Amino acid sequence: MWTRTFTLYFAARTVSLLGDAMMPVASALAIGDVYGIAGVGYVLGLWTASAVLVMLFGGVVADRIGARRIMIFADAVRIITQGTVALAFLDGTPPYTLLLVTASFSGMAAGLFEPGVFGMVPLVAEDPQRANATLKISEAVTQLAGPALAGVLVLATGPVFVYALDATTFLVSGLCLTLIRVAVPKPEPSDVLSDLRRGWDEFRARTWMWSVILVWVFWGLLVIGPSVPLASQLIGADYGWVMAALGLGTVLGGLVAIRLRPRRPLAAGAIALTGYVPAPLTIALDLPLPALMAGHLLGGCAMAFWSVMWSTTVQTQITPDVMNRVNAYQVAGSVTGMAIGQALAGPATKLVEPRTFMLGSTLITITTITALLLIKPIRNLRHTTPKAPDQPTPTPAAAST
């Protein structure tokens, strides 16, 4: 697996993910210190909403010109946005309007970048599950080091250096991606609307896929979306260590996913998600730091295993010629609820006490797992080998089983 191509892609993703792992903590501490929970929630929500708005077109462009090229462009945009925020903090308190504008452009760049992340894996590795698990471990290591590093750097040097370092990670990522050479499928002549329609037809033909996304919208709205703004304020200075425990759990989940190849990957992933229940529950109960870290350790392990099962399923069930478009639909759908949840985190605290909200998130997590296991196409979907580009597209009836 460790060819030159995969090594470069691994390096690009790892260094970029390190910057990404640092930013939620840096944003929560730096922006929250000035503009409060609502200020953090609106910035994160706008970032996510901007990503969703352009993600479908990002999938179309990636299928037309290749995922690598659009990912390089997205890295270049984020070098500018993160560098701008670093300069703004250098002059003191940045205007909130500037934070919103840069969050919007950074989110749009992420929306262009994200569809290609899935699509690149089958191009750079022959074993998608092993590659996904390895990348998930890399992500976990960065989540382990990034939050703690961000917390230390924000307290020691302020947000300027953290945002500048984030801009540098996108520079390194772009350079590594520039050195990668992969084949780009030649698309048939068509217009943008036809490309979007083809991606939608492929997406809705698979009941297991849109069913998961519907459940995920609900979970993102009430659990994942509000978690960063609320948890960072409830936990306080120890938030970086709790997120580091989450990262360590992700390492363990990735290691398990390298070895374990269940015949029904989505069912196995849904069962594994029960390990996420202690994450919001320990916050709701206001438990001490060791219990918080243990709960998030289990949560990280659960989320990592589900993520690998889901990524590998999408990559092996979808043909490469439409991979990026279909992926754009599923990613856009899955983060829609998250964007709304982030934006509403602040207002929600005026109606419901934050720890009570986190207790509700615990119950929603249990409901989410139950829903995934009750949906037959999700529960019964079996592992398969990657599809070749010339394989016929399954009919809706066949794809839903």
Protein backbone atom coordinates (compact mmCIF):
# COMPACT_ATOMS: atom_id res chain seq x y z
CA MET A 1 0.00 0.00 0.00
CA TRP A 2 2.85 2.38 0.76
CA THR A 3 3.58 3.41 -2.80
CA ARG A 4 4.93 6.87 -3.60
CA THR A 5 1.44 8.01 -4.59
CA PHE A 6 -0.25 6.85 -1.39
CA THR A 7 2.61 8.18 0.75
CA LEU A 8 2.22 11.66 -0.76
CA TYR A 9 -1.54 11.54 -0.28
CA PHE A 10 -1.10 10.31 3.28
CA ALA A 11 1.31 13.17 4.00
CA ALA A 12 -1.04 15.74 2.46
CA ARG A 13 -4.00 14.53 4.49
CA THR A 14 -2.04 14.18 7.75
CA VAL A 15 -0.56 17.66 7.82
CA SER A 16 -3.85 19.23 6.72
CA LEU A 17 -5.78 17.26 9.35
CA LEU A 18 -3.38 18.49 12.04
CA GLY A 19 -4.36 22.05 11.25
CA ASP A 20 -8.02 21.10 11.11
CA ALA A 21 -7.81 19.37 14.50
CA MET A 22 -6.32 22.49 16.07
CA MET A 23 -8.90 24.93 14.76
CA PRO A 24 -12.06 23.95 16.72
CA VAL A 25 -10.20 24.37 20.01
CA ALA A 26 -8.44 27.53 18.84
CA SER A 27 -11.71 28.99 17.54
CA ALA A 28 -13.66 28.00 20.64
CA LEU A 29 -11.09 29.58 22.95
CA ALA A 30 -10.10 32.62 20.86
CA ILE A 31 -13.48 33.58 19.39
CA GLY A 32 -15.44 32.39 22.41
CA ASP A 33 -13.33 34.55 24.70
CA VAL A 34 -14.45 37.64 22.76
CA TYR A 35 -17.87 36.78 21.31
CA GLY A 36 -19.16 33.94 23.53
CA ILE A 37 -20.94 30.67 22.71
CA ALA A 38 -23.21 32.28 20.11
CA GLY A 39 -20.20 33.87 18.40
CA VAL A 40 -18.46 30.50 18.07
CA GLY A 41 -21.66 28.77 16.95
CA TYR A 42 -22.42 31.29 14.19
CA VAL A 43 -18.88 31.16 12.81
CA LEU A 44 -18.82 27.36 12.76
CA GLY A 45 -22.35 27.20 11.40
CA LEU A 46 -21.57 29.61 8.55
CA TRP A 47 -18.42 27.64 7.72
CA THR A 48 -20.41 24.41 7.47
CA ALA A 49 -23.31 25.99 5.56
CA SER A 50 -20.90 27.50 3.02
CA ALA A 51 -19.30 24.10 2.51
CA VAL A 52 -22.68 22.49 1.88
CA LEU A 53 -23.72 25.16 -0.65
CA VAL A 54 -20.79 24.50 -3.02
CA MET A 55 -20.20 20.82 -2.30
CA LEU A 56 -22.43 19.49 -5.09
CA PHE A 57 -20.67 21.61 -7.68
CA GLY A 58 -17.35 20.52 -6.18
CA GLY A 59 -18.30 16.93 -6.92
CA VAL A 60 -19.18 17.79 -10.53
CA VAL A 61 -15.91 19.65 -11.06
CA ALA A 62 -13.89 16.86 -9.43
CA ASP A 63 -15.43 14.27 -11.79
CA ARG A 64 -14.67 16.53 -14.77
CA ILE A 65 -11.10 17.70 -14.11
CA GLY A 66 -9.97 15.30 -11.39
CA ALA A 67 -10.23 15.49 -7.61
CA ARG A 68 -6.54 16.34 -7.16
CA ARG A 69 -6.75 19.64 -9.05
CA ILE A 70 -9.78 20.96 -7.24
CA MET A 71 -8.26 19.93 -3.90
CA ILE A 72 -5.11 21.94 -4.66
CA PHE A 73 -7.23 25.00 -5.48
CA ALA A 74 -9.15 24.59 -2.21
CA ASP A 75 -5.89 24.43 -0.24
CA ALA A 76 -4.76 27.69 -1.88
CA VAL A 77 -7.96 29.46 -0.84
CA ARG A 78 -7.59 28.31 2.76
CA ILE A 79 -3.99 29.52 2.92
CA ILE A 80 -5.38 32.99 2.26
CA THR A 81 -8.34 32.82 4.66
CA GLN A 82 -6.41 31.42 7.62
CA GLY A 83 -3.53 33.81 7.02
CA THR A 84 -5.97 36.71 6.99
CA VAL A 85 -7.44 35.71 10.36
CA ALA A 86 -3.92 35.39 11.80
CA LEU A 87 -3.13 38.95 10.70
CA ALA A 88 -6.43 40.19 12.11
CA PHE A 89 -5.67 38.75 15.54
CA LEU A 90 -2.21 40.29 15.30
CA ASP A 91 -3.84 43.73 15.36
CA GLY A 92 -5.96 42.87 18.39
CA THR A 93 -9.60 41.78 18.41
CA PRO A 94 -10.67 40.94 14.83
CA PRO A 95 -13.98 42.37 13.59
CA TYR A 96 -16.70 39.75 13.81
CA THR A 97 -17.68 40.49 10.21
CA LEU A 98 -14.17 39.50 9.09
CA LEU A 99 -14.43 36.22 10.99
CA LEU A 100 -17.74 35.49 9.27
CA VAL A 101 -16.40 36.34 5.80
CA THR A 102 -13.26 34.25 6.15
CA ALA A 103 -15.31 31.39 7.63
CA SER A 104 -17.57 31.55 4.57
CA PHE A 105 -14.71 31.40 2.05
CA SER A 106 -12.88 28.75 4.05
CA GLY A 107 -16.08 26.71 4.18
CA MET A 108 -16.60 27.00 0.43
CA ALA A 109 -13.03 25.80 -0.11
CA ALA A 110 -13.71 22.84 2.18
CA GLY A 111 -16.86 22.13 0.17
CA LEU A 112 -14.79 21.93 -3.01
CA PHE A 113 -12.13 19.83 -1.28
CA GLU A 114 -14.28 17.28 0.53
CA PRO A 115 -15.86 15.35 -2.40
CA GLY A 116 -12.41 14.47 -3.69
CA VAL A 117 -11.20 13.07 -0.37
CA PHE A 118 -13.32 9.94 -0.80
CA GLY A 119 -12.73 9.77 -4.53
CA MET A 120 -8.95 9.90 -4.27
CA VAL A 121 -8.61 6.86 -2.00
CA PRO A 122 -9.39 4.17 -4.63
CA LEU A 123 -7.00 5.97 -7.01
CA VAL A 124 -4.04 5.94 -4.63
CA ALA A 125 -4.56 2.55 -2.91
CA GLU A 126 -5.66 -0.89 -4.09
CA ASP A 127 -7.20 -1.81 -0.71
CA PRO A 128 -9.68 0.97 0.17
CA GLN A 129 -10.56 -0.36 3.64
CA ARG A 130 -6.94 -0.64 4.72
CA ALA A 131 -6.22 2.80 3.27
CA ASN A 132 -9.27 4.32 4.97
CA ALA A 133 -8.32 2.78 8.30
CA THR A 134 -4.74 4.02 7.96
CA LEU A 135 -5.96 7.52 7.12
CA LYS A 136 -8.38 7.35 10.05
CA ILE A 137 -5.48 6.50 12.38
CA SER A 138 -3.62 9.48 10.96
CA GLU A 139 -6.67 11.63 11.60
CA ALA A 140 -6.84 10.25 15.12
CA VAL A 141 -3.21 11.04 15.87
CA THR A 142 -3.76 14.61 14.69
CA GLN A 143 -6.91 14.83 16.82
CA LEU A 144 -4.85 13.56 19.73
CA ALA A 145 -2.05 16.08 19.29
CA GLY A 146 -3.92 18.96 17.65
CA PRO A 147 -6.41 19.97 20.38
CA ALA A 148 -3.86 19.78 23.20
CA LEU A 149 -1.31 21.67 21.07
CA ALA A 150 -3.89 24.31 20.16
CA GLY A 151 -4.86 24.81 23.78
CA VAL A 152 -1.23 25.25 24.82
CA LEU A 153 -0.41 27.56 21.89
CA VAL A 154 -3.48 29.76 22.38
CA LEU A 155 -2.64 30.22 26.05
CA ALA A 156 1.11 30.65 25.45
CA THR A 157 1.21 32.69 22.24
CA GLY A 158 -2.37 33.66 21.44
CA PRO A 159 -4.38 32.74 18.33
CA VAL A 160 -2.03 34.40 15.81
CA PHE A 161 0.50 31.58 15.67
CA VAL A 162 -2.22 28.90 15.63
CA TYR A 163 -3.98 30.39 12.61
CA ALA A 164 -0.66 30.98 10.85
CA LEU A 165 0.30 27.36 11.47
CA ASP A 166 -3.04 26.26 10.05
CA ALA A 167 -2.36 28.23 6.87
CA THR A 168 1.03 26.52 6.63
CA THR A 169 -0.56 23.07 6.83
CA PHE A 170 -2.69 23.83 3.77
CA LEU A 171 0.44 24.98 1.96
CA VAL A 172 2.19 21.68 2.66
CA SER A 173 -0.94 19.73 1.69
CA GLY A 174 -1.18 21.54 -1.63
CA LEU A 175 2.48 20.88 -2.43
CA CYS A 176 2.13 17.15 -1.71
CA LEU A 177 -1.00 16.90 -3.85
CA THR A 178 0.81 18.69 -6.68
CA LEU A 179 3.39 15.88 -6.76
CA ILE A 180 0.74 13.12 -7.08
CA ARG A 181 0.02 11.67 -10.51
CA VAL A 182 -3.23 9.73 -10.91
CA ALA A 183 -5.41 8.88 -13.89
CA VAL A 184 -8.42 11.15 -14.43
CA PRO A 185 -11.48 9.43 -15.99
CA LYS A 186 -12.65 11.22 -19.14
CA PRO A 187 -16.26 12.29 -18.61
CA GLU A 188 -18.85 12.12 -21.35
CA PRO A 189 -19.84 15.52 -22.81
CA SER A 190 -22.65 16.99 -20.69
CA ASP A 191 -23.74 20.14 -18.90
CA VAL A 192 -23.60 20.89 -15.19
CA LEU A 193 -27.29 20.23 -14.59
CA SER A 194 -27.05 16.86 -16.31
CA ASP A 195 -24.03 15.98 -14.17
CA LEU A 196 -25.89 16.98 -11.01
CA ARG A 197 -28.93 14.96 -12.10
CA ARG A 198 -26.77 11.90 -12.78
CA GLY A 199 -25.22 12.15 -9.32
CA TRP A 200 -28.65 12.54 -7.72
CA ASP A 201 -30.02 9.54 -9.60
CA GLU A 202 -27.10 7.42 -8.41
CA PHE A 203 -27.56 8.67 -4.86
CA ARG A 204 -31.30 8.10 -4.58
CA ALA A 205 -31.05 4.68 -6.25
CA ARG A 206 -29.33 3.37 -3.12
CA THR A 207 -31.75 3.17 -0.22
CA TRP A 208 -28.99 2.29 2.23
CA MET A 209 -27.18 5.56 1.38
CA TRP A 210 -29.99 8.09 1.61
CA SER A 211 -31.39 6.35 4.67
CA VAL A 212 -28.11 6.81 6.52
CA ILE A 213 -27.96 10.46 5.47
CA LEU A 214 -31.50 11.15 6.71
CA VAL A 215 -30.60 9.68 10.09
CA TRP A 216 -27.34 11.62 10.10
CA VAL A 217 -29.08 14.96 9.51
CA PHE A 218 -31.11 14.35 12.66
CA TRP A 219 -28.02 13.35 14.65
CA GLY A 220 -25.94 16.25 13.35
CA LEU A 221 -28.65 18.74 14.32
CA LEU A 222 -29.03 17.58 17.92
CA VAL A 223 -25.71 15.92 18.78
CA ILE A 224 -22.65 16.59 16.63
CA GLY A 225 -23.44 20.18 15.60
CA PRO A 226 -23.90 21.68 19.07
CA SER A 227 -21.17 19.55 20.68
CA VAL A 228 -18.16 21.84 20.05
CA PRO A 229 -19.71 25.17 21.17
CA LEU A 230 -21.43 23.62 24.20
CA ALA A 231 -18.72 21.19 25.29
CA SER A 232 -15.93 23.78 25.02
CA GLN A 233 -17.81 26.14 27.34
CA LEU A 234 -18.97 23.47 29.80
CA ILE A 235 -15.57 21.79 30.11
CA GLY A 236 -13.48 24.96 29.96
CA ALA A 237 -9.68 24.81 30.13
CA ASP A 238 -9.64 20.98 30.09
CA TYR A 239 -11.44 20.85 26.74
CA GLY A 240 -8.20 20.29 24.82
CA TRP A 241 -7.38 17.20 26.92
CA VAL A 242 -10.86 15.77 26.41
CA MET A 243 -10.54 16.21 22.65
CA ALA A 244 -7.11 14.58 22.84
CA ALA A 245 -8.75 11.55 24.48
CA LEU A 246 -11.25 11.51 21.63
CA GLY A 247 -8.32 11.42 19.23
CA LEU A 248 -6.68 8.54 21.08
CA GLY A 249 -9.93 6.62 20.84
CA THR A 250 -9.98 7.26 17.11
CA VAL A 251 -6.52 5.68 16.84
CA LEU A 252 -7.82 2.55 18.52
CA GLY A 253 -10.89 2.47 16.29
CA GLY A 254 -8.75 2.78 13.20
CA LEU A 255 -6.50 -0.07 14.30
CA VAL A 256 -9.53 -2.29 14.82
CA ALA A 257 -10.88 -1.34 11.38
CA ILE A 258 -7.61 -2.40 9.71
CA ARG A 259 -8.02 -5.96 10.94
CA LEU A 260 -11.78 -6.47 11.20
CA ARG A 261 -13.70 -6.92 7.94
CA PRO A 262 -17.35 -7.61 8.80
CA ARG A 263 -19.59 -9.08 6.11
CA ARG A 264 -22.19 -6.42 6.90
CA PRO A 265 -20.08 -3.29 7.44
CA LEU A 266 -22.85 -0.75 8.09
CA ALA A 267 -24.58 -2.98 10.64
CA ALA A 268 -21.26 -3.55 12.40
CA GLY A 269 -20.54 0.18 12.33
CA ALA A 270 -23.95 1.01 13.79
CA ILE A 271 -23.44 -1.45 16.65
CA ALA A 272 -20.02 0.07 17.30
CA LEU A 273 -21.61 3.52 17.63
CA THR A 274 -22.99 2.50 21.01
CA GLY A 275 -19.53 3.38 22.27
CA TYR A 276 -20.25 7.06 21.54
CA VAL A 277 -23.02 7.26 24.15
CA PRO A 278 -20.63 8.01 27.07
CA ALA A 279 -19.23 11.11 25.30
CA PRO A 280 -22.24 13.44 25.73
CA LEU A 281 -23.39 11.58 28.86
CA THR A 282 -20.24 12.33 30.87
CA ILE A 283 -20.56 16.03 29.99
CA ALA A 284 -24.24 16.07 30.95
CA LEU A 285 -23.46 14.52 34.35
CA ASP A 286 -20.58 16.98 34.99
CA LEU A 287 -18.18 14.14 35.78
CA PRO A 288 -14.50 14.78 36.62
CA LEU A 289 -11.81 14.99 33.93
CA PRO A 290 -10.74 11.29 34.00
CA ALA A 291 -14.34 10.20 33.37
CA LEU A 292 -14.74 12.78 30.61
CA MET A 293 -11.59 11.52 28.91
CA ALA A 294 -12.65 7.87 29.26
CA GLY A 295 -16.07 8.62 27.77
CA HIS A 296 -14.55 10.43 24.81
CA LEU A 297 -11.96 7.69 24.37
CA LEU A 298 -14.81 5.23 23.79
CA GLY A 299 -16.61 7.76 21.62
CA GLY A 300 -13.61 8.29 19.38
CA CYS A 301 -13.13 4.54 18.93
CA ALA A 302 -16.80 4.13 17.98
CA MET A 303 -16.84 7.00 15.50
CA ALA A 304 -13.61 5.86 13.84
CA PHE A 305 -14.86 2.34 13.22
CA TRP A 306 -18.18 3.62 11.81
CA SER A 307 -16.35 6.13 9.61
CA VAL A 308 -14.12 3.47 8.06
CA MET A 309 -17.07 1.15 7.45
CA TRP A 310 -19.07 3.96 5.83
CA SER A 311 -16.21 5.33 3.69
CA THR A 312 -15.23 1.89 2.41
CA THR A 313 -18.86 1.01 1.65
CA VAL A 314 -19.34 4.15 -0.45
CA GLN A 315 -16.05 3.66 -2.29
CA THR A 316 -16.75 0.02 -3.12
CA GLN A 317 -20.41 0.43 -4.05
CA ILE A 318 -20.06 3.45 -6.39
CA THR A 319 -18.33 3.43 -9.79
CA PRO A 320 -15.32 5.80 -10.11
CA ASP A 321 -16.82 7.87 -12.94
CA VAL A 322 -19.55 9.25 -10.63
CA MET A 323 -17.80 8.79 -7.28
CA ASN A 324 -17.20 12.47 -6.53
CA ARG A 325 -20.73 13.58 -7.45
CA VAL A 326 -22.39 10.89 -5.35
CA ASN A 327 -20.00 11.60 -2.51
CA ALA A 328 -20.87 15.29 -2.72
CA TYR A 329 -24.55 14.50 -2.19
CA GLN A 330 -23.93 12.24 0.79
CA VAL A 331 -21.46 14.61 2.45
CA ALA A 332 -23.66 17.66 1.85
CA GLY A 333 -26.61 15.85 3.34
CA SER A 334 -24.71 14.54 6.34
CA VAL A 335 -23.35 17.95 7.35
CA THR A 336 -26.57 19.94 6.81
CA GLY A 337 -27.89 19.07 10.23
CA MET A 338 -24.48 19.79 11.73
CA ALA A 339 -24.45 23.33 10.29
CA ILE A 340 -27.89 24.10 11.70
CA GLY A 341 -26.96 22.58 15.05
CA GLN A 342 -23.82 24.70 15.28
CA ALA A 343 -25.70 27.90 14.50
CA LEU A 344 -28.49 27.15 17.00
CA ALA A 345 -26.20 26.09 19.85
CA GLY A 346 -26.14 29.58 21.37
CA PRO A 347 -29.89 30.33 21.12
CA ALA A 348 -30.70 26.82 22.37
CA THR A 349 -28.95 27.52 25.68
CA LYS A 350 -31.49 30.27 26.36
CA LEU A 351 -34.27 27.70 26.22
CA VAL A 352 -32.57 24.60 27.67
CA GLU A 353 -29.82 24.43 30.26
CA PRO A 354 -26.62 23.25 28.46
CA ARG A 355 -26.13 20.08 30.53
CA THR A 356 -29.76 19.16 30.03
CA PHE A 357 -29.24 19.61 26.29
CA MET A 358 -26.25 17.24 26.43
CA LEU A 359 -28.39 14.67 28.25
CA GLY A 360 -30.88 14.96 25.40
CA SER A 361 -28.00 14.43 22.95
CA THR A 362 -27.26 11.16 24.74
CA LEU A 363 -30.82 9.95 24.18
CA ILE A 364 -30.70 11.07 20.53
CA THR A 365 -27.52 9.04 20.03
CA ILE A 366 -29.28 5.90 21.27
CA THR A 367 -32.22 6.68 18.97
CA THR A 368 -29.86 7.13 16.01
CA ILE A 369 -28.22 3.75 16.54
CA THR A 370 -31.60 2.06 16.86
CA ALA A 371 -32.84 3.67 13.63
CA LEU A 372 -29.76 2.54 11.69
CA LEU A 373 -30.23 -1.06 12.80
CA LEU A 374 -33.97 -1.08 12.13
CA ILE A 375 -33.59 -0.03 8.47
CA LYS A 376 -33.27 -3.28 6.52
CA PRO A 377 -31.17 -2.05 3.53
CA ILE A 378 -28.60 -0.66 5.99
CA ARG A 379 -28.62 -3.73 8.22
CA ASN A 380 -28.33 -6.24 5.35
CA LEU A 381 -25.84 -4.49 3.04
CA ARG A 382 -22.86 -6.79 2.50
CA HIS A 383 -19.21 -6.09 1.88
CA THR A 384 -18.18 -6.01 -1.78
CA THR A 385 -15.09 -5.35 -3.89
CA PRO A 386 -14.63 -1.97 -5.63
CA LYS A 387 -16.74 -1.50 -8.75
CA ALA A 388 -15.07 -0.92 -12.11
CA PRO A 389 -16.05 2.16 -14.15
CA ASP A 390 -17.68 0.10 -16.89
CA GLN A 391 -20.01 -1.84 -14.59
CA PRO A 392 -23.69 -1.08 -15.13
CA THR A 393 -25.39 1.22 -12.66
CA PRO A 394 -27.78 -0.76 -10.45
CA THR A 395 -31.46 -0.08 -10.75
CA PRO A 396 -33.22 1.52 -7.78
CA ALA A 397 -34.85 -1.79 -6.90
CA ALA A 398 -31.58 -3.71 -6.97
CA ALA A 399 -29.57 -1.02 -5.22
CA SER A 400 -31.96 -0.74 -2.32
CA THR A 401 -31.37 -4.30 -1.13
